[in-house]
C-alpha cells in the first residue's frame, strides 16, 4: 500500500478491502493495528481511480465496523480527502466515499461537526443528484445527521440547494433514502418559517403526503414528523396545502396503523391542522374518524403523544357540540382528567383546555362535576 507502484497499490487496496470486509474475522482490527489507515488515506488523494475506490471502500467498511474503528478512521485524517473524493472521484469512488462519510457521522457529533466545518455539505447535496441510488442514499443519511447539528449547517444545506434535492429523493430514492430525506426536511423545518415555505415550494408537502401511505413504517414515521414540522406555527398556507393534498385521512389512519412514534407525530400534525378558525380541517379530521383514535392515544400513549392528542381534541371540541359529544362518547373525559395531574406541562394545559371546552356543553358539564 505504501511502497508499491500504482498498479501494485491498486491490487493491495482491493485485497485489503476484501480482507476487512470478511464477516466473523479479526482482519479489521489486525489491519488497523498494522497501520493500514495512513496509506489508505494517502491513496484517497493520489491513487489511481481504482485504488481510490478500493481505499474508500476499505475505510467505509472499517468506519462502519465499530465505534473504535470509526474514531480511528476519522483520526487518520480521512474526512477532507473523502469529501473531495465524493465529487471528484469515479462513480464507484464517490459511492464508497459517501458511504464512509455516512458511517463516520453515525452517533458522532464530533465527526458531524468536522464534516460540516470541512465544507462537506455542498458535495453531499451534489451527491443527492447523481444517478447512483447507493450514493444518493449515503448522502441523504449523512445530511439527515448534519441537519440536526446547528443553524449554520442547516443554512449551508439550504444554500447548497438541499431542499429541492431532498424533496426529489422523497419521490425516487431507496426506502432508507426517502426516510432520511424526510428526516432531514423535518430538521430543516424546525424553527424556520423560510425553510417550511421552501419545502412547500419544492413540492415537499405532496411528496411527504404520498409517503404516509406508500412508505415503509419507518418512512411513514419520518414523513408524519416532517409534515408536522412543515405546518407548525404560523404556516397556515402549508396547513391548507396539506389538506388539499389529501393528507388528513392518512394521518388519521396512522393513529391506529402506525408505529408508536408515527402515532405521536400524526397526532401532533392533526393538532396543528385543527388549530385556529379552520372549520374545514376539523370537519375533515372528524369525517376521517379522527376522534376515537385520538381518545385511545390520550389513554395509552407516551406523555408527548397524550399531550398532542389532548391538543388535537381540544381544537376539535372548540365551538362544536357534535364533536364535544363525540369525544365524551369515545371515553375522552376520564383520561383528560387523569392527564391534568401532569403538573407544569403542556399536556396538563391541553387537558385542562379540553375539559374546560367540554364543560361549555350543558349535558357534559354535569358529568364533569361528578368526577
Protein backbone atom coordinates (compact mmCIF):
# COMPACT_ATOMS: atom_id res chain seq x y z
CA UNK A 1 0.00 0.00 0.00
CA UNK A 2 2.82 2.42 0.79
CA UNK A 3 5.80 1.44 -1.34
CA UNK A 4 4.49 -0.29 -4.45
CA UNK A 5 3.89 1.07 -7.94
CA UNK A 6 0.46 2.34 -8.93
CA UNK A 7 -0.94 -0.99 -10.09
CA UNK A 8 0.54 -2.76 -7.07
CA UNK A 9 -1.19 -0.29 -4.76
CA UNK A 10 -4.43 -0.94 -6.63
CA UNK A 11 -4.20 -4.64 -6.00
CA UNK A 12 -3.14 -4.14 -2.39
CA UNK A 13 -6.07 -1.78 -1.72
CA UNK A 14 -8.50 -4.20 -3.33
CA UNK A 15 -7.18 -7.09 -1.26
CA UNK A 16 -7.32 -5.00 1.92
CA UNK A 17 -10.94 -4.00 1.22
CA UNK A 18 -11.83 -7.65 0.74
CA UNK A 19 -10.00 -8.74 3.89
CA UNK A 20 -11.56 -6.19 6.23
CA UNK A 21 -15.00 -6.99 4.81
CA UNK A 22 -14.91 -10.65 5.83
CA UNK A 23 -17.60 -11.35 8.43
CA UNK A 24 -16.58 -13.02 11.66
CA UNK A 25 -12.86 -12.31 11.26
CA UNK A 26 -10.40 -10.16 13.20
CA UNK A 27 -8.97 -8.77 9.98
CA UNK A 28 -10.26 -5.26 10.58
CA UNK A 29 -8.63 -4.93 13.99
CA UNK A 30 -5.43 -6.53 12.75
CA UNK A 31 -5.28 -4.16 9.78
CA UNK A 32 -5.77 -1.09 11.94
CA UNK A 33 -3.10 -2.28 14.38
CA UNK A 34 -0.75 -2.90 11.46
CA UNK A 35 -1.05 0.76 10.43
CA UNK A 36 -3.20 0.41 7.33
CA UNK A 37 -5.15 3.65 7.81
CA UNK A 38 -2.45 6.15 6.82
CA UNK A 39 -1.65 4.54 3.44
CA UNK A 40 -5.35 4.10 2.70
CA UNK A 41 -5.94 7.80 3.34
CA UNK A 42 -2.95 8.65 1.15
CA UNK A 43 -4.45 6.63 -1.70
CA UNK A 44 -7.62 8.71 -1.49
CA UNK A 45 -5.50 11.67 -2.53
CA UNK A 46 -3.04 10.37 -5.11
CA UNK A 47 -4.08 6.83 -6.00
CA UNK A 48 -5.41 5.66 -9.34
CA UNK A 49 -9.17 5.71 -9.81
CA UNK A 50 -9.45 2.05 -8.83
CA UNK A 51 -7.10 2.47 -5.88
CA UNK A 52 -9.17 5.40 -4.63
CA UNK A 53 -12.36 3.37 -4.87
CA UNK A 54 -10.84 0.41 -3.03
CA UNK A 55 -9.24 2.60 -0.36
CA UNK A 56 -12.52 4.43 0.22
CA UNK A 57 -14.33 1.08 0.33
CA UNK A 58 -11.95 -0.25 2.96
CA UNK A 59 -12.36 2.90 5.05
CA UNK A 60 -16.13 2.68 4.59
CA UNK A 61 -16.08 -0.87 5.93
CA UNK A 62 -13.76 -0.04 8.82
CA UNK A 63 -15.68 3.08 9.90
CA UNK A 64 -18.91 1.10 9.95
CA UNK A 65 -17.47 -1.80 11.88
CA UNK A 66 -17.18 -0.36 15.38
CA UNK A 67 -17.12 2.90 17.29
CA UNK A 68 -13.41 2.39 17.94
CA UNK A 69 -12.58 1.99 14.28
CA UNK A 70 -14.89 4.89 13.38
CA UNK A 71 -12.75 7.07 15.66
CA UNK A 72 -9.54 5.65 14.20
CA UNK A 73 -10.60 6.34 10.61
CA UNK A 74 -11.51 9.92 11.49
CA UNK A 75 -8.30 10.48 13.47
CA UNK A 76 -6.28 9.30 10.48
CA UNK A 77 -7.27 12.48 8.62
CA UNK A 78 -9.71 10.83 6.25
CA UNK A 79 -12.56 13.34 6.33
CA UNK A 80 -11.20 16.02 3.98
CA UNK A 81 -10.00 13.62 1.27
CA UNK A 82 -13.25 11.65 1.49
CA UNK A 83 -15.19 14.87 0.96
CA UNK A 84 -13.04 15.72 -2.05
CA UNK A 85 -13.42 12.23 -3.49
CA UNK A 86 -17.21 12.38 -3.10
CA UNK A 87 -17.31 14.85 -6.00
CA UNK A 88 -14.11 14.32 -8.00
CA UNK A 89 -13.69 10.56 -7.94
CA UNK A 90 -15.08 7.91 -10.25
CA UNK A 91 -18.67 6.83 -9.71
CA UNK A 92 -17.50 3.89 -7.63
CA UNK A 93 -15.14 6.05 -5.59
CA UNK A 94 -17.89 8.60 -4.97
CA UNK A 95 -20.21 5.87 -3.72
CA UNK A 96 -17.64 4.50 -1.28
CA UNK A 97 -16.55 7.96 -0.13
CA UNK A 98 -20.15 8.93 0.64
CA UNK A 99 -20.63 5.59 2.38
CA UNK A 100 -17.58 6.22 4.54
CA UNK A 101 -18.88 9.69 5.48
CA UNK A 102 -22.23 8.12 6.33
CA UNK A 103 -20.54 5.73 8.75
CA UNK A 104 -18.38 8.48 10.23
CA UNK A 105 -21.36 10.68 11.22
CA UNK A 106 -23.27 7.86 12.90
CA UNK A 107 -23.68 8.75 16.59
CA UNK A 108 -20.66 11.06 16.44
CA UNK A 109 -21.27 14.76 16.96
CA UNK A 110 -17.53 15.39 16.60
CA UNK A 111 -17.41 13.86 13.13
CA UNK A 112 -20.63 15.57 12.11
CA UNK A 113 -19.11 18.92 13.05
CA UNK A 114 -15.82 18.11 11.31
CA UNK A 115 -17.56 17.22 8.07
CA UNK A 116 -19.68 20.36 8.17
CA UNK A 117 -16.70 22.57 9.08
CA UNK A 118 -14.60 20.98 6.33
CA UNK A 119 -17.01 22.01 3.60
CA UNK A 120 -18.76 18.67 3.33
CA UNK A 121 -22.30 19.93 2.96
CA UNK A 122 -22.28 21.13 -0.64
CA UNK A 123 -20.61 17.97 -2.02
CA UNK A 124 -23.15 15.82 -0.17
CA UNK A 125 -26.04 17.81 -1.62
CA UNK A 126 -24.47 17.38 -5.05
CA UNK A 127 -24.29 13.63 -4.40
CA UNK A 128 -28.08 13.59 -3.97
CA UNK A 129 -28.32 14.46 -7.65
CA UNK A 130 -26.16 11.65 -9.02
CA UNK A 131 -27.56 8.64 -10.84
CA UNK A 132 -26.30 6.11 -8.30
CA UNK A 133 -29.04 5.07 -5.89
CA UNK A 134 -26.47 3.92 -3.33
CA UNK A 135 -24.52 7.19 -3.46
CA UNK A 136 -27.74 9.18 -3.09
CA UNK A 137 -28.80 7.06 -0.12
CA UNK A 138 -25.44 7.54 1.61
CA UNK A 139 -25.66 11.30 1.06
CA UNK A 140 -29.23 11.51 2.37
CA UNK A 141 -28.39 9.57 5.54
CA UNK A 142 -25.37 11.81 6.16
CA UNK A 143 -27.33 15.02 5.55
CA UNK A 144 -30.03 13.86 7.91
CA UNK A 145 -27.41 13.75 10.68
CA UNK A 146 -25.83 17.06 9.65
CA UNK A 147 -29.21 18.82 9.52
CA UNK A 148 -29.58 18.34 13.27
CA UNK A 149 -26.36 19.93 14.50
CA UNK A 150 -26.96 23.66 14.24
CA UNK A 151 -28.30 26.71 12.44
CA UNK A 152 -25.15 27.27 10.38
CA UNK A 153 -25.16 23.76 8.98
CA UNK A 154 -28.87 23.95 8.21
CA UNK A 155 -28.17 27.20 6.36
CA UNK A 156 -25.37 25.56 4.38
CA UNK A 157 -27.69 22.72 3.33
CA UNK A 158 -30.34 25.19 2.19
CA UNK A 159 -27.81 27.42 0.40
CA UNK A 160 -26.44 24.42 -1.48
CA UNK A 161 -29.89 23.65 -2.86
CA UNK A 162 -30.57 20.89 -0.37
CA UNK A 163 -34.32 21.30 -0.02
CA UNK A 164 -35.28 20.62 -3.67
CA UNK A 165 -32.75 17.78 -3.82
CA UNK A 166 -34.14 16.17 -0.67
CA UNK A 167 -37.71 16.54 -1.95
CA UNK A 168 -36.67 14.77 -5.16
CA UNK A 169 -35.22 11.98 -3.02
CA UNK A 170 -38.67 11.56 -1.41
CA UNK A 171 -40.04 10.72 -4.83
CA UNK A 172 -37.49 8.30 -6.24
CA UNK A 173 -34.98 7.31 -3.58
CA UNK A 174 -34.48 3.98 -1.85
CA UNK A 175 -36.58 3.29 1.24
CA UNK A 176 -33.72 4.37 3.50
CA UNK A 177 -33.01 7.35 1.27
CA UNK A 178 -36.61 8.54 1.40
CA UNK A 179 -36.78 8.03 5.16
CA UNK A 180 -33.56 10.01 5.63
CA UNK A 181 -34.66 12.79 3.28
CA UNK A 182 -37.90 13.15 5.26
CA UNK A 183 -35.89 13.29 8.50
CA UNK A 184 -33.61 15.97 7.09
CA UNK A 185 -36.57 18.05 5.91
CA UNK A 186 -38.11 17.72 9.36
CA UNK A 187 -34.94 19.11 10.93
CA UNK A 188 -34.70 21.93 8.39
CA UNK A 189 -38.30 22.97 9.03
CA UNK A 190 -37.92 23.27 12.78
CA UNK A 191 -37.84 26.92 13.88
CA UNK A 192 -37.59 28.25 10.32
CA UNK A 193 -40.57 29.77 8.55
CA UNK A 194 -38.43 30.28 5.44
CA UNK A 195 -37.42 26.64 5.23
CA UNK A 196 -41.02 25.47 5.72
CA UNK A 197 -42.08 27.67 2.83
CA UNK A 198 -39.21 26.38 0.70
CA UNK A 199 -40.26 22.77 1.33
CA UNK A 200 -43.76 23.62 0.12
CA UNK A 201 -42.50 25.45 -2.97
CA UNK A 202 -40.34 22.44 -3.88
CA UNK A 203 -43.39 20.17 -3.77
CA UNK A 204 -42.45 18.62 -0.46
CA UNK A 205 -45.94 18.55 1.04
CA UNK A 206 -47.32 16.41 -1.77
CA UNK A 207 -44.29 14.10 -1.69
CA UNK A 208 -44.43 13.67 2.08
CA UNK A 209 -48.17 13.07 1.97
CA UNK A 210 -47.67 10.27 -0.53
CA UNK A 211 -45.21 8.58 1.83
CA UNK A 212 -47.80 8.42 4.61
CA UNK A 213 -49.45 5.61 2.69
CA UNK A 214 -46.75 4.26 0.40
CA UNK A 215 -43.60 4.20 2.50
CA UNK A 216 -42.25 1.68 4.98
CA UNK A 217 -43.36 2.04 8.60
CA UNK A 218 -40.13 3.91 9.41
CA UNK A 219 -40.59 6.20 6.41
CA UNK A 220 -44.17 6.90 7.49
CA UNK A 221 -42.85 7.96 10.90
CA UNK A 222 -40.44 10.42 9.36
CA UNK A 223 -42.97 11.70 6.83
CA UNK A 224 -45.51 12.41 9.57
CA UNK A 225 -42.85 14.17 11.64
CA UNK A 226 -41.73 16.22 8.65
CA UNK A 227 -45.29 17.27 7.86
CA UNK A 228 -45.79 18.32 11.46
CA UNK A 229 -42.60 20.40 11.22
CA UNK A 230 -43.62 21.99 7.91
CA UNK A 231 -47.12 23.01 9.08
CA UNK A 232 -46.14 24.17 12.57
CA UNK A 233 -46.50 27.70 13.89
CA UNK A 234 -47.77 30.34 11.53
CA UNK A 235 -47.58 28.13 8.43
CA UNK A 236 -51.28 28.46 7.58
CA UNK A 237 -50.67 28.16 3.86
CA UNK A 238 -48.87 24.86 4.38
CA UNK A 239 -51.72 23.51 6.50
CA UNK A 240 -54.12 24.39 3.72
CA UNK A 241 -51.86 22.74 1.17
CA UNK A 242 -51.62 19.56 3.25
CA UNK A 243 -55.40 19.32 3.48
CA UNK A 244 -55.76 19.93 -0.25
CA UNK A 245 -53.23 17.18 -0.98
CA UNK A 246 -55.44 14.75 0.92
CA UNK A 247 -53.07 14.44 3.86
CA UNK A 248 -55.64 14.29 6.66
CA UNK A 249 -57.10 10.77 6.08
CA UNK A 250 -53.67 9.05 6.02
CA UNK A 251 -52.62 10.95 9.15
CA UNK A 252 -55.77 9.71 10.88
CA UNK A 253 -55.03 6.18 9.63
CA UNK A 254 -51.57 6.34 11.20
CA UNK A 255 -53.19 6.89 14.61
CA UNK A 256 -54.26 3.25 14.54
CA UNK A 257 -51.98 1.54 12.00
CA UNK A 258 -48.69 3.34 12.56
CA UNK A 259 -45.82 2.64 14.90
CA UNK A 260 -45.85 4.29 18.31
CA UNK A 261 -43.66 7.13 17.01
CA UNK A 262 -45.80 7.56 13.89
CA UNK A 263 -48.92 7.83 16.04
CA UNK A 264 -47.33 10.58 18.13
CA UNK A 265 -46.19 12.53 15.05
CA UNK A 266 -49.58 12.12 13.35
CA UNK A 267 -51.37 13.44 16.44
CA UNK A 268 -49.04 16.44 16.55
CA UNK A 269 -49.76 17.20 12.90
CA UNK A 270 -53.52 16.87 13.46
CA UNK A 271 -53.24 19.18 16.46
CA UNK A 272 -51.80 21.85 14.16
CA UNK A 273 -54.30 21.15 11.40
CA UNK A 274 -57.25 21.57 13.79
CA UNK A 275 -55.97 24.87 15.19
CA UNK A 276 -57.44 28.31 14.61
CA UNK A 277 -60.56 29.02 12.63
CA UNK A 278 -60.15 26.28 10.05
CA UNK A 279 -63.50 24.54 10.33
CA UNK A 280 -62.84 22.68 7.08
CA UNK A 281 -59.80 20.89 8.51
CA UNK A 282 -61.69 19.98 11.65
CA UNK A 283 -64.51 18.58 9.54
CA UNK A 284 -62.03 16.55 7.50
CA UNK A 285 -60.44 15.13 10.68
CA UNK A 286 -63.75 14.12 12.22
CA UNK A 287 -65.04 12.86 8.87
CA UNK A 288 -62.00 10.59 8.62
CA UNK A 289 -62.85 9.13 12.02
CA UNK A 290 -60.18 11.02 13.93
CA UNK A 291 -61.82 11.37 17.32
CA UNK A 292 -61.86 7.72 18.56
CA UNK A 293 -58.17 7.01 17.82
CA UNK A 294 -57.15 10.35 19.36
CA UNK A 295 -59.01 9.34 22.53
CA UNK A 296 -57.18 6.00 22.51
CA UNK A 297 -53.89 7.90 22.21
CA UNK A 298 -54.98 10.11 25.08
CA UNK A 299 -55.24 6.99 27.23
CA UNK A 300 -52.32 4.84 26.11
CA UNK A 301 -49.51 6.82 24.57
CA UNK A 302 -46.35 8.46 25.88
CA UNK A 303 -46.67 11.84 27.56
CA UNK A 304 -45.80 13.52 24.26
CA UNK A 305 -48.48 11.54 22.46
CA UNK A 306 -51.09 12.15 25.14
CA UNK A 307 -50.30 15.87 25.05
CA UNK A 308 -50.71 16.06 21.26
CA UNK A 309 -53.91 14.03 21.38
CA UNK A 310 -55.33 16.34 24.06
CA UNK A 311 -54.36 19.38 21.99
CA UNK A 312 -55.99 17.98 18.86
CA UNK A 313 -59.17 17.04 20.75
CA UNK A 314 -59.29 20.46 22.39
CA UNK A 315 -59.18 22.13 18.99
CA UNK A 316 -61.80 19.75 17.60
CA UNK A 317 -64.10 20.37 20.58
CA UNK A 318 -63.95 24.15 20.31
CA UNK A 319 -67.29 25.52 19.14
CA UNK A 320 -68.71 22.13 18.16
CA UNK A 321 -71.32 20.46 20.35
CA UNK A 322 -71.27 17.47 18.00
CA UNK A 323 -67.53 16.96 18.47
CA UNK A 324 -67.79 17.54 22.20
CA UNK A 325 -70.38 14.79 22.47
CA UNK A 326 -68.31 12.51 20.24
CA UNK A 327 -65.24 12.95 22.46
CA UNK A 328 -67.27 12.14 25.56
CA UNK A 329 -68.88 9.13 23.89
CA UNK A 330 -65.45 7.80 22.91
CA UNK A 331 -64.38 7.93 26.57
CA UNK A 332 -62.25 11.06 26.40
CA UNK A 333 -63.24 12.70 29.67
CA UNK A 334 -61.61 10.33 32.17
CA UNK A 335 -58.14 10.24 30.54
CA UNK A 336 -58.22 14.03 30.18
CA UNK A 337 -58.92 14.33 33.91
CA UNK A 338 -56.01 11.97 34.59
CA UNK A 339 -53.72 13.99 32.34
CA UNK A 340 -54.43 17.13 34.35
CA UNK A 341 -52.20 15.62 37.04
CA UNK A 342 -49.12 16.20 34.87
CA UNK A 343 -48.38 19.48 36.59
CA UNK A 344 -46.45 22.22 34.83
CA UNK A 345 -46.58 20.56 31.42
CA UNK A 346 -48.08 21.30 28.03
CA UNK A 347 -50.02 18.06 28.46
CA UNK A 348 -51.71 19.47 31.55
CA UNK A 349 -52.54 22.73 29.73
CA UNK A 350 -54.06 20.84 26.81
CA UNK A 351 -56.07 18.51 29.04
CA UNK A 352 -57.42 21.41 31.10
CA UNK A 353 -58.30 23.32 27.93
CA UNK A 354 -60.13 20.28 26.59
CA UNK A 355 -62.11 19.82 29.81
CA UNK A 356 -62.99 23.49 30.02
CA UNK A 357 -64.30 23.36 26.45
CA UNK A 358 -66.32 20.24 27.18
CA UNK A 359 -67.76 21.96 30.25
CA UNK A 360 -69.37 24.53 27.95
CA UNK A 361 -71.63 21.70 26.87
CA UNK A 362 -74.58 21.65 29.29
CA UNK A 363 -75.03 17.88 29.06
CA UNK A 364 -71.35 17.21 29.73
CA UNK A 365 -70.96 19.79 32.49
CA UNK A 366 -72.95 17.63 34.89
CA UNK A 367 -70.79 14.61 34.15
CA UNK A 368 -67.63 16.63 34.73
CA UNK A 369 -68.96 17.82 38.09
CA UNK A 370 -69.31 14.22 39.17
CA UNK A 371 -65.61 13.49 38.57
